[in-house]
Amino acid sequence: MEQAISFREALEAVETLSIDEQETLVNIVQKRLIERARQRLAVDIEESRLEFAQNRCQVVSVDSLMDELLQ
């Protein structure tokens, strides 16, 4: 089983890379984060569609929604 490294250890490892390698790493991490966000959004959308199909949603005005959020 692999042992996770600490955040500090990861930063120290990154600093041993060349500038070009660090930039490539940053780009890869950004793309992976974007993909994870897309996946979470896709799950949320599917859940929302299911709720809508099951009539578990109700239409509300923006004003009433904002009132509810601000309470």
C-alpha atoms as a PDB file:
ATOM      1  CA  MET A   1       0.000   0.000   0.000  1.00  0.00           C
ATOM      2  CA  GLU A   2       1.268   3.482  -0.877  1.00  0.00           C
ATOM      3  CA  GLN A   3       1.902   5.957   1.901  1.00  0.00           C
ATOM      4  CA  ALA A   4       0.574   9.473   1.316  1.00  0.00           C
ATOM      5  CA  ILE A   5       3.098  12.290   1.522  1.00  0.00           C
ATOM      6  CA  SER A   6       2.461  15.472   3.451  1.00  0.00           C
ATOM      7  CA  PHE A   7       1.659  18.764   1.783  1.00  0.00           C
ATOM      8  CA  ARG A   8       5.037  20.119   2.871  1.00  0.00           C
ATOM      9  CA  GLU A   9       6.831  17.137   1.377  1.00  0.00           C
ATOM     10  CA  ALA A  10       4.938  17.622  -1.885  1.00  0.00           C
ATOM     11  CA  LEU A  11       5.942  21.289  -2.014  1.00  0.00           C
ATOM     12  CA  GLU A  12       9.556  20.423  -1.340  1.00  0.00           C
ATOM     13  CA  ALA A  13       9.468  17.798  -4.107  1.00  0.00           C
ATOM     14  CA  VAL A  14       7.980  20.304  -6.546  1.00  0.00           C
ATOM     15  CA  GLU A  15      10.763  22.759  -5.785  1.00  0.00           C
ATOM     16  CA  THR A  16      13.320  20.200  -6.942  1.00  0.00           C
ATOM     17  CA  LEU A  17      11.765  20.262 -10.431  1.00  0.00           C
ATOM     18  CA  SER A  18      12.870  22.632 -13.164  1.00  0.00           C
ATOM     19  CA  ILE A  19      10.725  25.698 -13.891  1.00  0.00           C
ATOM     20  CA  ASP A  20       9.382  24.026 -17.049  1.00  0.00           C
ATOM     21  CA  GLU A  21       8.478  20.892 -15.095  1.00  0.00           C
ATOM     22  CA  GLN A  22       6.798  22.990 -12.394  1.00  0.00           C
ATOM     23  CA  GLU A  23       4.733  24.820 -15.028  1.00  0.00           C
ATOM     24  CA  THR A  24       3.749  21.516 -16.620  1.00  0.00           C
ATOM     25  CA  LEU A  25       2.772  20.152 -13.219  1.00  0.00           C
ATOM     26  CA  VAL A  26       0.637  23.218 -12.490  1.00  0.00           C
ATOM     27  CA  ASN A  27      -1.137  22.834 -15.844  1.00  0.00           C
ATOM     28  CA  ILE A  28      -1.819  19.153 -15.203  1.00  0.00           C
ATOM     29  CA  VAL A  29      -3.171  19.830 -11.707  1.00  0.00           C
ATOM     30  CA  GLN A  30      -5.399  22.650 -13.002  1.00  0.00           C
ATOM     31  CA  LYS A  31      -6.825  20.393 -15.716  1.00  0.00           C
ATOM     32  CA  ARG A  32      -7.490  17.624 -13.196  1.00  0.00           C
ATOM     33  CA  LEU A  33      -9.254  20.048 -10.853  1.00  0.00           C
ATOM     34  CA  ILE A  34     -11.395  21.318 -13.724  1.00  0.00           C
ATOM     35  CA  GLU A  35     -12.301  17.728 -14.657  1.00  0.00           C
ATOM     36  CA  ARG A  36     -13.262  16.910 -11.058  1.00  0.00           C
ATOM     37  CA  ALA A  37     -15.451  20.020 -10.935  1.00  0.00           C
ATOM     38  CA  ARG A  38     -17.117  18.937 -14.187  1.00  0.00           C
ATOM     39  CA  GLN A  39     -17.763  15.486 -12.758  1.00  0.00           C
ATOM     40  CA  ARG A  40     -19.317  16.936  -9.587  1.00  0.00           C
ATOM     41  CA  LEU A  41     -21.457  19.243 -11.695  1.00  0.00           C
ATOM     42  CA  ALA A  42     -22.601  16.322 -13.852  1.00  0.00           C
ATOM     43  CA  VAL A  43     -23.651  14.420 -10.718  1.00  0.00           C
ATOM     44  CA  ASP A  44     -25.534  17.479  -9.411  1.00  0.00           C
ATOM     45  CA  ILE A  45     -27.289  17.916 -12.747  1.00  0.00           C
ATOM     46  CA  GLU A  46     -28.324  14.262 -12.857  1.00  0.00           C
ATOM     47  CA  GLU A  47     -29.655  14.452  -9.290  1.00  0.00           C
ATOM     48  CA  SER A  48     -31.579  17.607 -10.149  1.00  0.00           C
ATOM     49  CA  ARG A  49     -33.083  16.003 -13.249  1.00  0.00           C
ATOM     50  CA  LEU A  50     -34.149  13.008 -11.182  1.00  0.00           C
ATOM     51  CA  GLU A  51     -35.761  15.238  -8.555  1.00  0.00           C
ATOM     52  CA  PHE A  52     -37.559  17.158 -11.288  1.00  0.00           C
ATOM     53  CA  ALA A  53     -38.775  13.933 -12.943  1.00  0.00           C
ATOM     54  CA  GLN A  54     -40.093  12.763  -9.559  1.00  0.00           C
ATOM     55  CA  ASN A  55     -41.930  16.086  -9.052  1.00  0.00           C
ATOM     56  CA  ARG A  56     -39.818  16.825  -5.984  1.00  0.00           C
ATOM     57  CA  CYS A  57     -39.175  20.386  -7.159  1.00  0.00           C
ATOM     58  CA  GLN A  58     -41.345  23.418  -6.809  1.00  0.00           C
ATOM     59  CA  VAL A  59     -41.358  26.636  -8.762  1.00  0.00           C
ATOM     60  CA  VAL A  60     -40.469  29.707  -6.705  1.00  0.00           C
ATOM     61  CA  SER A  61     -39.753  33.303  -7.546  1.00  0.00           C
ATOM     62  CA  VAL A  62     -36.283  34.743  -7.259  1.00  0.00           C
ATOM     63  CA  ASP A  63     -37.487  37.040  -4.481  1.00  0.00           C
ATOM     64  CA  SER A  64     -38.870  34.205  -2.368  1.00  0.00           C
ATOM     65  CA  LEU A  65     -35.732  32.151  -2.960  1.00  0.00           C
ATOM     66  CA  MET A  66     -33.531  35.058  -1.857  1.00  0.00           C
ATOM     67  CA  ASP A  67     -35.736  35.625   1.202  1.00  0.00           C
ATOM     68  CA  GLU A  68     -35.341  31.973   2.150  1.00  0.00           C
ATOM     69  CA  LEU A  69     -31.573  32.050   1.652  1.00  0.00           C
ATOM     70  CA  LEU A  70     -31.143  35.204   3.721  1.00  0.00           C
ATOM     71  CA  GLN A  71     -33.088  33.917   6.735  1.00  0.00           C
END
